[in-house]
PDB file of N, CA and C in Angstrom:
ATOM      1  N   MET A   1      54.691  16.878   5.650  1.00  0.00           N
ATOM      2  CA  MET A   1      54.680  15.506   4.808  1.00  0.00           C
ATOM      3  C   MET A   1      52.933  15.751   4.970  1.00  0.00           C
ATOM      4  N   LEU A   2      52.529  15.972   6.139  1.00  0.00           N
ATOM      5  CA  LEU A   2      51.114  15.377   6.442  1.00  0.00           C
ATOM      6  C   LEU A   2      50.483  16.494   5.697  1.00  0.00           C
ATOM      7  N   LEU A   3      50.608  17.651   5.773  1.00  0.00           N
ATOM      8  CA  LEU A   3      49.795  18.934   4.724  1.00  0.00           C
ATOM      9  C   LEU A   3      50.383  18.487   3.269  1.00  0.00           C
ATOM     10  N   GLU A   4      50.892  18.370   2.772  1.00  0.00           N
ATOM     11  CA  GLU A   4      50.829  17.904   1.057  1.00  0.00           C
ATOM     12  C   GLU A   4      50.122  17.085   0.805  1.00  0.00           C
ATOM     13  N   THR A   5      49.747  15.507   1.762  1.00  0.00           N
ATOM     14  CA  THR A   5      49.152  14.927   1.617  1.00  0.00           C
ATOM     15  C   THR A   5      47.500  15.175   1.897  1.00  0.00           C
ATOM     16  N   ALA A   6      47.272  15.893   2.901  1.00  0.00           N
ATOM     17  CA  ALA A   6      46.071  16.304   3.038  1.00  0.00           C
ATOM     18  C   ALA A   6      45.780  16.902   1.791  1.00  0.00           C
ATOM     19  N   ILE A   7      46.565  18.182   1.356  1.00  0.00           N
ATOM     20  CA  ILE A   7      46.023  19.199   0.150  1.00  0.00           C
ATOM     21  C   ILE A   7      45.984  18.311  -1.329  1.00  0.00           C
ATOM     22  N   ILE A   8      46.884  16.808  -1.609  1.00  0.00           N
ATOM     23  CA  ILE A   8      46.460  16.083  -2.583  1.00  0.00           C
ATOM     24  C   ILE A   8      45.047  15.559  -2.316  1.00  0.00           C
ATOM     25  N   LEU A   9      44.847  15.013  -1.231  1.00  0.00           N
ATOM     26  CA  LEU A   9      43.454  14.424  -0.713  1.00  0.00           C
ATOM     27  C   LEU A   9      42.759  15.381  -1.301  1.00  0.00           C
ATOM     28  N   ALA A  10      42.599  16.093  -0.894  1.00  0.00           N
ATOM     29  CA  ALA A  10      41.462  17.273  -0.621  1.00  0.00           C
ATOM     30  C   ALA A  10      41.183  17.692  -2.319  1.00  0.00           C
ATOM     31  N   LEU A  11      42.390  18.112  -3.487  1.00  0.00           N
ATOM     32  CA  LEU A  11      42.313  18.153  -4.264  1.00  0.00           C
ATOM     33  C   LEU A  11      41.450  17.130  -5.360  1.00  0.00           C
ATOM     34  N   ALA A  12      41.632  15.422  -4.800  1.00  0.00           N
ATOM     35  CA  ALA A  12      41.585  14.618  -5.682  1.00  0.00           C
ATOM     36  C   ALA A  12      39.947  14.237  -5.009  1.00  0.00           C
ATOM     37  N   SER A  13      39.864  14.829  -3.870  1.00  0.00           N
ATOM     38  CA  SER A  13      38.070  14.220  -3.463  1.00  0.00           C
ATOM     39  C   SER A  13      37.518  15.709  -3.956  1.00  0.00           C
ATOM     40  N   SER A  14      37.764  16.897  -4.211  1.00  0.00           N
ATOM     41  CA  SER A  14      37.048  17.636  -5.123  1.00  0.00           C
ATOM     42  C   SER A  14      36.835  17.573  -6.233  1.00  0.00           C
ATOM     43  N   ALA A  15      37.979  17.208  -7.183  1.00  0.00           N
ATOM     44  CA  ALA A  15      37.717  16.910  -8.656  1.00  0.00           C
ATOM     45  C   ALA A  15      36.543  15.620  -8.574  1.00  0.00           C
ATOM     46  N   LEU A  16      36.844  14.624  -7.553  1.00  0.00           N
ATOM     47  CA  LEU A  16      35.957  13.533  -7.907  1.00  0.00           C
ATOM     48  C   LEU A  16      34.514  14.091  -7.591  1.00  0.00           C
ATOM     49  N   GLU A  17      34.302  15.079  -6.401  1.00  0.00           N
ATOM     50  CA  GLU A  17      32.925  15.453  -5.854  1.00  0.00           C
ATOM     51  C   GLU A  17      32.463  16.253  -7.145  1.00  0.00           C
ATOM     52  N   MET A  18      33.316  17.154  -8.069  1.00  0.00           N
ATOM     53  CA  MET A  18      32.684  17.980  -9.075  1.00  0.00           C
ATOM     54  C   MET A  18      32.504  16.770 -10.250  1.00  0.00           C
ATOM     55  N   ALA A  19      33.206  16.182 -10.296  1.00  0.00           N
ATOM     56  CA  ALA A  19      32.957  14.507 -11.601  1.00  0.00           C
ATOM     57  C   ALA A  19      31.445  14.020 -11.401  1.00  0.00           C
ATOM     58  N   ILE A  20      31.061  13.829 -10.073  1.00  0.00           N
ATOM     59  CA  ILE A  20      30.162  13.160  -9.732  1.00  0.00           C
ATOM     60  C   ILE A  20      28.932  14.044  -9.728  1.00  0.00           C
ATOM     61  N   MET A  21      29.104  15.407  -9.626  1.00  0.00           N
ATOM     62  CA  MET A  21      28.063  16.375  -9.786  1.00  0.00           C
ATOM     63  C   MET A  21      27.553  16.621 -11.437  1.00  0.00           C
ATOM     64  N   ALA A  22      28.514  16.520 -12.131  1.00  0.00           N
ATOM     65  CA  ALA A  22      28.601  16.978 -13.472  1.00  0.00           C
ATOM     66  C   ALA A  22      27.873  15.797 -14.176  1.00  0.00           C
ATOM     67  N   LYS A  23      28.034  14.194 -13.390  1.00  0.00           N
ATOM     68  CA  LYS A  23      27.449  13.486 -14.033  1.00  0.00           C
ATOM     69  C   LYS A  23      25.904  12.452 -13.423  1.00  0.00           C
ATOM     70  N   ALA A  24      25.636  12.818 -12.437  1.00  0.00           N
ATOM     71  CA  ALA A  24      24.362  12.389 -11.631  1.00  0.00           C
ATOM     72  C   ALA A  24      23.620  13.422 -11.318  1.00  0.00           C
ATOM     73  N   PRO A  25      22.787  13.975 -12.392  1.00  0.00           N
ATOM     74  CA  PRO A  25      22.148  14.960 -12.034  1.00  0.00           C
ATOM     75  C   PRO A  25      20.982  15.009 -10.744  1.00  0.00           C
ATOM     76  N   THR A  26      20.728  13.831  -9.899  1.00  0.00           N
ATOM     77  CA  THR A  26      19.953  13.614  -9.036  1.00  0.00           C
ATOM     78  C   THR A  26      20.370  13.959  -7.961  1.00  0.00           C
ATOM     79  N   VAL A  27      21.798  13.661  -7.729  1.00  0.00           N
ATOM     80  CA  VAL A  27      22.856  14.099  -6.665  1.00  0.00           C
ATOM     81  C   VAL A  27      23.192  15.430  -6.623  1.00  0.00           C
ATOM     82  N   ARG A  28      23.099  15.766  -8.085  1.00  0.00           N
ATOM     83  CA  ARG A  28      23.511  17.769  -7.950  1.00  0.00           C
ATOM     84  C   ARG A  28      22.033  18.306  -7.258  1.00  0.00           C
ATOM     85  N   LYS A  29      20.530  17.933  -7.915  1.00  0.00           N
ATOM     86  CA  LYS A  29      19.681  18.541  -7.126  1.00  0.00           C
ATOM     87  C   LYS A  29      19.594  18.169  -6.170  1.00  0.00           C
ATOM     88  N   VAL A  30      19.793  17.184  -5.365  1.00  0.00           N
ATOM     89  CA  VAL A  30      19.661  17.054  -3.606  1.00  0.00           C
ATOM     90  C   VAL A  30      20.895  17.698  -3.180  1.00  0.00           C
ATOM     91  N   ALA A  31      21.951  18.064  -3.599  1.00  0.00           N
ATOM     92  CA  ALA A  31      23.219  18.859  -3.041  1.00  0.00           C
ATOM     93  C   ALA A  31      22.747  20.332  -3.221  1.00  0.00           C
ATOM     94  N   THR A  32      22.195  20.816  -4.312  1.00  0.00           N
ATOM     95  CA  THR A  32      21.593  22.119  -4.131  1.00  0.00           C
ATOM     96  C   THR A  32      20.640  22.624  -3.278  1.00  0.00           C
ATOM     97  N   LYS A  33      19.868  21.606  -3.109  1.00  0.00           N
ATOM     98  CA  LYS A  33      18.467  21.780  -2.692  1.00  0.00           C
ATOM     99  C   LYS A  33      19.037  21.878  -0.982  1.00  0.00           C
ATOM    100  N   TRP A  34      19.414  20.880  -0.282  1.00  0.00           N
ATOM    101  CA  TRP A  34      20.145  20.814   0.751  1.00  0.00           C
ATOM    102  C   TRP A  34      21.450  21.160   1.164  1.00  0.00           C
ATOM    103  N   PRO A  35      21.823  22.254   1.249  1.00  0.00           N
ATOM    104  CA  PRO A  35      23.275  22.255   1.170  1.00  0.00           C
ATOM    105  C   PRO A  35      24.260  21.600   2.160  1.00  0.00           C
ATOM    106  N   LEU A  36      23.620  20.949   3.316  1.00  0.00           N
ATOM    107  CA  LEU A  36      24.576  20.421   4.455  1.00  0.00           C
ATOM    108  C   LEU A  36      24.774  18.958   3.746  1.00  0.00           C
ATOM    109  N   THR A  37      23.849  18.214   2.625  1.00  0.00           N
ATOM    110  CA  THR A  37      23.779  17.031   1.741  1.00  0.00           C
ATOM    111  C   THR A  37      25.429  17.442   1.684  1.00  0.00           C
ATOM    112  N   GLY A  38      25.802  18.149   0.321  1.00  0.00           N
ATOM    113  CA  GLY A  38      27.035  18.659   0.027  1.00  0.00           C
ATOM    114  C   GLY A  38      27.919  18.886   0.692  1.00  0.00           C
ATOM    115  N   VAL A  39      27.903  19.472   2.322  1.00  0.00           N
ATOM    116  CA  VAL A  39      29.070  19.149   3.142  1.00  0.00           C
ATOM    117  C   VAL A  39      29.645  17.760   3.674  1.00  0.00           C
ATOM    118  N   ALA A  40      27.931  17.135   3.817  1.00  0.00           N
ATOM    119  CA  ALA A  40      28.152  15.449   4.389  1.00  0.00           C
ATOM    120  C   ALA A  40      29.122  14.457   3.267  1.00  0.00           C
ATOM    121  N   MET A  41      28.593  14.929   1.632  1.00  0.00           N
ATOM    122  CA  MET A  41      29.124  14.004   0.633  1.00  0.00           C
ATOM    123  C   MET A  41      30.866  14.645   0.711  1.00  0.00           C
ATOM    124  N   SER A  42      30.986  15.738   0.843  1.00  0.00           N
ATOM    125  CA  SER A  42      32.497  16.430   1.171  1.00  0.00           C
ATOM    126  C   SER A  42      33.275  15.033   1.600  1.00  0.00           C
ATOM    127  N   PHE A  43      32.868  15.532   3.063  1.00  0.00           N
ATOM    128  CA  PHE A  43      33.394  14.821   4.430  1.00  0.00           C
ATOM    129  C   PHE A  43      33.917  13.475   4.040  1.00  0.00           C
ATOM    130  N   SER A  44      32.493  12.909   3.568  1.00  0.00           N
ATOM    131  CA  SER A  44      32.807  11.249   3.582  1.00  0.00           C
ATOM    132  C   SER A  44      33.704  10.804   2.283  1.00  0.00           C
ATOM    133  N   LEU A  45      33.631  11.578   0.885  1.00  0.00           N
ATOM    134  CA  LEU A  45      34.192  11.417  -0.094  1.00  0.00           C
ATOM    135  C   LEU A  45      35.799  11.392   0.231  1.00  0.00           C
ATOM    136  N   SER A  46      36.030  12.572   0.964  1.00  0.00           N
ATOM    137  CA  SER A  46      37.422  12.721   1.573  1.00  0.00           C
ATOM    138  C   SER A  46      38.124  11.578   2.460  1.00  0.00           C
ATOM    139  N   TYR A  47      37.213  10.895   3.571  1.00  0.00           N
ATOM    140  CA  TYR A  47      37.685   9.852   3.968  1.00  0.00           C
ATOM    141  C   TYR A  47      37.399   8.556   3.287  1.00  0.00           C
ATOM    142  N   LEU A  48      36.996   8.366   2.377  1.00  0.00           N
ATOM    143  CA  LEU A  48      36.861   7.556   1.716  1.00  0.00           C
ATOM    144  C   LEU A  48      38.177   7.513   0.661  1.00  0.00           C
ATOM    145  N   THR A  49      38.459   8.566  -0.047  1.00  0.00           N
ATOM    146  CA  THR A  49      39.810   9.070  -0.729  1.00  0.00           C
ATOM    147  C   THR A  49      40.965   8.572   0.282  1.00  0.00           C
ATOM    148  N   GLY A  50      40.805   9.384   1.509  1.00  0.00           N
ATOM    149  CA  GLY A  50      42.038   8.843   2.525  1.00  0.00           C
ATOM    150  C   GLY A  50      42.029   7.437   2.987  1.00  0.00           C
ATOM    151  N   LEU A  51      41.045   6.379   2.751  1.00  0.00           N
ATOM    152  CA  LEU A  51      41.301   5.464   3.070  1.00  0.00           C
ATOM    153  C   LEU A  51      41.610   4.409   1.762  1.00  0.00           C
ATOM    154  N   ALA A  52      41.453   5.185   0.771  1.00  0.00           N
ATOM    155  CA  ALA A  52      41.642   4.280  -0.619  1.00  0.00           C
ATOM    156  C   ALA A  52      43.433   4.736  -0.503  1.00  0.00           C
ATOM    157  N   PHE A  53      44.049   6.048  -0.074  1.00  0.00           N
ATOM    158  CA  PHE A  53      45.264   6.255  -0.078  1.00  0.00           C
ATOM    159  C   PHE A  53      46.138   5.994   1.324  1.00  0.00           C
ATOM    160  N   GLY A  54      45.381   4.777   1.994  1.00  0.00           N
ATOM    161  CA  GLY A  54      45.894   4.884   3.459  1.00  0.00           C
ATOM    162  C   GLY A  54      46.442   5.887   4.302  1.00  0.00           C
ATOM    163  N   ALA A  55      45.604   6.889   4.361  1.00  0.00           N
ATOM    164  CA  ALA A  55      45.882   8.332   5.028  1.00  0.00           C
ATOM    165  C   ALA A  55      44.588   8.141   6.271  1.00  0.00           C
ATOM    166  N   ALA A  56      44.763   8.836   7.415  1.00  0.00           N
ATOM    167  CA  ALA A  56      43.618   8.462   8.618  1.00  0.00           C
ATOM    168  C   ALA A  56      44.128   9.641   9.324  1.00  0.00           C
ATOM    169  N   GLY A  57      43.271   9.687  10.316  1.00  0.00           N
ATOM    170  CA  GLY A  57      43.318  10.922  11.455  1.00  0.00           C
ATOM    171  C   GLY A  57      43.059  12.450  10.706  1.00  0.00           C
ATOM    172  N   LEU A  58      44.040  12.976  11.335  1.00  0.00           N
ATOM    173  CA  LEU A  58      44.373  14.433  10.915  1.00  0.00           C
ATOM    174  C   LEU A  58      44.526  14.787   9.577  1.00  0.00           C
ATOM    175  N   THR A  59      45.049  13.607   9.086  1.00  0.00           N
ATOM    176  CA  THR A  59      45.445  14.028   7.666  1.00  0.00           C
ATOM    177  C   THR A  59      43.949  14.092   7.040  1.00  0.00           C
ATOM    178  N   VAL A  60      43.329  12.915   6.910  1.00  0.00           N
ATOM    179  CA  VAL A  60      41.816  12.859   6.384  1.00  0.00           C
ATOM    180  C   VAL A  60      40.807  14.411   7.045  1.00  0.00           C
ATOM    181  N   MET A  61      41.155  14.712   8.334  1.00  0.00           N
ATOM    182  CA  MET A  61      40.123  15.518   8.719  1.00  0.00           C
ATOM    183  C   MET A  61      40.552  17.169   8.218  1.00  0.00           C
ATOM    184  N   VAL A  62      41.903  17.492   7.579  1.00  0.00           N
ATOM    185  CA  VAL A  62      42.149  18.495   7.308  1.00  0.00           C
ATOM    186  C   VAL A  62      41.938  18.530   5.280  1.00  0.00           C
ATOM    187  N   ALA A  63      41.861  17.076   5.418  1.00  0.00           N
ATOM    188  CA  ALA A  63      41.521  17.060   3.418  1.00  0.00           C
ATOM    189  C   ALA A  63      40.043  17.118   3.519  1.00  0.00           C
ATOM    190  N   GLY A  64      39.297  16.955   4.502  1.00  0.00           N
ATOM    191  CA  GLY A  64      37.562  16.927   4.398  1.00  0.00           C
ATOM    192  C   GLY A  64      37.307  18.480   4.683  1.00  0.00           C
ATOM    193  N   ILE A  65      38.104  19.263   5.308  1.00  0.00           N
ATOM    194  CA  ILE A  65      37.583  20.890   5.548  1.00  0.00           C
ATOM    195  C   ILE A  65      38.102  21.264   4.257  1.00  0.00           C
ATOM    196  N   THR A  66      39.247  21.538   3.961  1.00  0.00           N
ATOM    197  CA  THR A  66      39.735  21.707   2.507  1.00  0.00           C
ATOM    198  C   THR A  66      38.681  21.384   1.438  1.00  0.00           C
ATOM    199  N   SER A  67      38.612  20.411   1.425  1.00  0.00           N
ATOM    200  CA  SER A  67      37.446  20.050   0.226  1.00  0.00           C
ATOM    201  C   SER A  67      36.417  20.763   0.227  1.00  0.00           C
ATOM    202  N   THR A  68      35.809  20.558   1.488  1.00  0.00           N
ATOM    203  CA  THR A  68      34.599  21.328   1.821  1.00  0.00           C
ATOM    204  C   THR A  68      34.770  23.150   1.385  1.00  0.00           C
ATOM    205  N   VAL A  69      35.811  23.558   1.681  1.00  0.00           N
ATOM    206  CA  VAL A  69      35.952  25.103   1.430  1.00  0.00           C
ATOM    207  C   VAL A  69      36.368  24.888  -0.037  1.00  0.00           C
ATOM    208  N   ILE A  70      36.491  23.922  -0.732  1.00  0.00           N
ATOM    209  CA  ILE A  70      37.068  24.446  -2.117  1.00  0.00           C
ATOM    210  C   ILE A  70      35.440  24.055  -3.211  1.00  0.00           C
ATOM    211  N   THR A  71      34.939  23.192  -2.616  1.00  0.00           N
ATOM    212  CA  THR A  71      33.438  22.666  -3.165  1.00  0.00           C
ATOM    213  C   THR A  71      32.042  23.426  -2.654  1.00  0.00           C
ATOM    214  N   ALA A  72      32.451  24.469  -1.668  1.00  0.00           N
ATOM    215  CA  ALA A  72      31.583  25.223  -1.241  1.00  0.00           C
ATOM    216  C   ALA A  72      30.976  26.469  -2.480  1.00  0.00           C
ATOM    217  N   PRO A  73      31.931  26.954  -3.013  1.00  0.00           N
ATOM    218  CA  PRO A  73      31.898  28.057  -4.287  1.00  0.00           C
ATOM    219  C   PRO A  73      30.966  27.265  -5.372  1.00  0.00           C
ATOM    220  N   TYR A  74      31.408  25.986  -5.335  1.00  0.00           N
ATOM    221  CA  TYR A  74      30.573  25.370  -6.217  1.00  0.00           C
ATOM    222  C   TYR A  74      29.421  25.040  -6.155  1.00  0.00           C
ATOM    223  N   TYR A  75      28.591  24.638  -5.158  1.00  0.00           N
ATOM    224  CA  TYR A  75      27.660  24.907  -4.820  1.00  0.00           C
ATOM    225  C   TYR A  75      26.618  26.105  -4.692  1.00  0.00           C
ATOM    226  N   MET A  76      27.413  27.269  -4.029  1.00  0.00           N
ATOM    227  CA  MET A  76      26.405  28.057  -4.064  1.00  0.00           C
ATOM    228  C   MET A  76      26.419  28.514  -5.775  1.00  0.00           C
ATOM    229  N   VAL A  77      27.612  28.737  -6.864  1.00  0.00           N
ATOM    230  CA  VAL A  77      26.883  28.988  -7.873  1.00  0.00           C
ATOM    231  C   VAL A  77      25.915  28.136  -8.476  1.00  0.00           C
ATOM    232  N   ALA A  78      26.035  26.630  -8.630  1.00  0.00           N
ATOM    233  CA  ALA A  78      24.966  25.652  -9.152  1.00  0.00           C
ATOM    234  C   ALA A  78      23.649  26.214  -8.061  1.00  0.00           C
ATOM    235  N   SER A  79      23.562  26.871  -7.093  1.00  0.00           N
ATOM    236  CA  SER A  79      22.181  27.067  -6.618  1.00  0.00           C
ATOM    237  C   SER A  79      21.783  28.442  -6.927  1.00  0.00           C
ATOM    238  N   TRP A  80      22.830  29.289  -7.325  1.00  0.00           N
ATOM    239  CA  TRP A  80      22.558  30.701  -8.064  1.00  0.00           C
ATOM    240  C   TRP A  80      22.235  30.531  -9.371  1.00  0.00           C
ATOM    241  N   TRP A  81      22.383  29.540 -10.063  1.00  0.00           N
ATOM    242  CA  TRP A  81      22.207  29.364 -11.179  1.00  0.00           C
ATOM    243  C   TRP A  81      21.082  28.779 -11.850  1.00  0.00           C
ATOM    244  N   LYS A  82      20.748  27.693 -10.685  1.00  0.00           N
ATOM    245  CA  LYS A  82      19.260  27.417 -10.431  1.00  0.00           C
ATOM    246  C   LYS A  82      18.184  28.297 -10.659  1.00  0.00           C
ATOM    247  N   LYS A  83      18.607  29.045  -9.639  1.00  0.00           N
ATOM    248  CA  LYS A  83      17.300  30.180  -9.213  1.00  0.00           C
ATOM    249  C   LYS A  83      17.811  31.243 -10.440  1.00  0.00           C
ATOM    250  N   ARG A  84      18.769  31.582 -11.107  1.00  0.00           N
ATOM    251  CA  ARG A  84      18.583  32.721 -12.024  1.00  0.00           C
ATOM    252  C   ARG A  84      17.747  31.902 -13.675  1.00  0.00           C
ATOM    253  N   LYS A  85      18.170  30.809 -13.545  1.00  0.00           N
ATOM    254  CA  LYS A  85      17.447  29.812 -14.970  1.00  0.00           C
ATOM    255  C   LYS A  85      16.136  30.209 -14.623  1.00  0.00           C
ATOM    256  N   ALA A  86      15.669  29.682 -13.176  1.00  0.00           N
ATOM    257  CA  ALA A  86      13.976  29.508 -13.066  1.00  0.00           C
ATOM    258  C   ALA A  86      13.589  31.137 -13.392  1.00  0.00           C
ATOM    259  N   LEU A  87      13.934  32.079 -12.940  1.00  0.00           N
ATOM    260  CA  LEU A  87      13.669  33.479 -12.967  1.00  0.00           C
ATOM    261  C   LEU A  87      13.606  33.890 -14.621  1.00  0.00           C
ATOM    262  N   ASN A  88      14.623  33.270 -15.290  1.00  0.00           N
ATOM    263  CA  ASN A  88      14.881  33.874 -16.749  1.00  0.00           C
ATOM    264  C   ASN A  88      13.368  33.455 -17.168  1.00  0.00           C
ATOM    265  N   THR A  89      13.258  31.949 -17.242  1.00  0.00           N
ATOM    266  CA  THR A  89      12.046  31.458 -17.618  1.00  0.00           C
ATOM    267  C   THR A  89      10.749  31.479 -17.424  1.00  0.00           C
ATOM    268  N   SER A  90      10.469  32.401 -16.176  1.00  0.00           N
ATOM    269  CA  SER A  90       9.386  32.832 -15.810  1.00  0.00           C
ATOM    270  C   SER A  90       9.344  33.836 -15.919  1.00  0.00           C
ATOM    271  N   SER A  91      10.205  34.503 -16.501  1.00  0.00           N
ATOM    272  CA  SER A  91      10.173  36.126 -17.185  1.00  0.00           C
ATOM    273  C   SER A  91       9.838  35.922 -18.350  1.00  0.00           C
ATOM    274  N   LEU A  92      10.165  35.087 -19.095  1.00  0.00           N
ATOM    275  CA  LEU A  92      10.325  35.007 -20.577  1.00  0.00           C
ATOM    276  C   LEU A  92       8.703  34.498 -20.936  1.00  0.00           C
ATOM    277  N   VAL A  93       8.143  33.640 -19.946  1.00  0.00           N
ATOM    278  CA  VAL A  93       6.562  32.985 -20.162  1.00  0.00           C
ATOM    279  C   VAL A  93       5.678  34.242 -20.040  1.00  0.00           C
ATOM    280  N   VAL A  94       6.133  35.161 -19.220  1.00  0.00           N
ATOM    281  CA  VAL A  94       5.025  36.425 -18.613  1.00  0.00           C
ATOM    282  C   VAL A  94       5.235  37.314 -20.032  1.00  0.00           C
ATOM    283  N   ALA A  95       6.532  37.320 -20.476  1.00  0.00           N
ATOM    284  CA  ALA A  95       6.560  38.645 -21.464  1.00  0.00           C
ATOM    285  C   ALA A  95       5.741  38.028 -22.706  1.00  0.00           C
ATOM    286  N   LEU A  96       5.679  36.848 -23.305  1.00  0.00           N
ATOM    287  CA  LEU A  96       5.446  36.170 -24.513  1.00  0.00           C
ATOM    288  C   LEU A  96       3.776  36.805 -24.592  1.00  0.00           C
ATOM    289  N   PRO A  97       3.858  37.342 -26.056  1.00  0.00           N
ATOM    290  CA  PRO A  97       2.198  38.223 -26.316  1.00  0.00           C
ATOM    291  C   PRO A  97       1.242  36.759 -26.302  1.00  0.00           C
ATOM    292  N   VAL A  98       0.091  37.422 -26.139  1.00  0.00           N
ATOM    293  CA  VAL A  98      -0.838  36.480 -25.888  1.00  0.00           C
ATOM    294  C   VAL A  98      -2.042  36.741 -27.348  1.00  0.00           C
ATOM    295  N   ALA A  99      -2.221  35.574 -28.009  1.00  0.00           N
ATOM    296  CA  ALA A  99      -2.678  35.230 -29.133  1.00  0.00           C
ATOM    297  C   ALA A  99      -4.148  35.670 -28.857  1.00  0.00           C
ATOM    298  N   THR A 100      -5.265  36.252 -29.436  1.00  0.00           N
ATOM    299  CA  THR A 100      -6.507  36.406 -29.542  1.00  0.00           C
ATOM    300  C   THR A 100      -7.378  35.963 -30.577  1.00  0.00           C
TER     301      THR A 100
END
């Protein structure tokens, strides 16, 4: 029963975190720049979600760890995408012909 509760809390927290990342570009920039911010946000959202549903202790801890494992690839892809986008933009500027 506790494991099912932790999994549901982790999924709810992950969905909430990804929704916040999609809607708040400032939070997304901070989280992709400093990865530990994303981990802290994941744990805090799991804790707050646990409080909202009346969970505590080990259940919230397992949900926090699971939520972090779920959202870690999202942060890695977001960071990679940002670097890729910056690389493509800079190479595009260099490749443009200069009018004399």
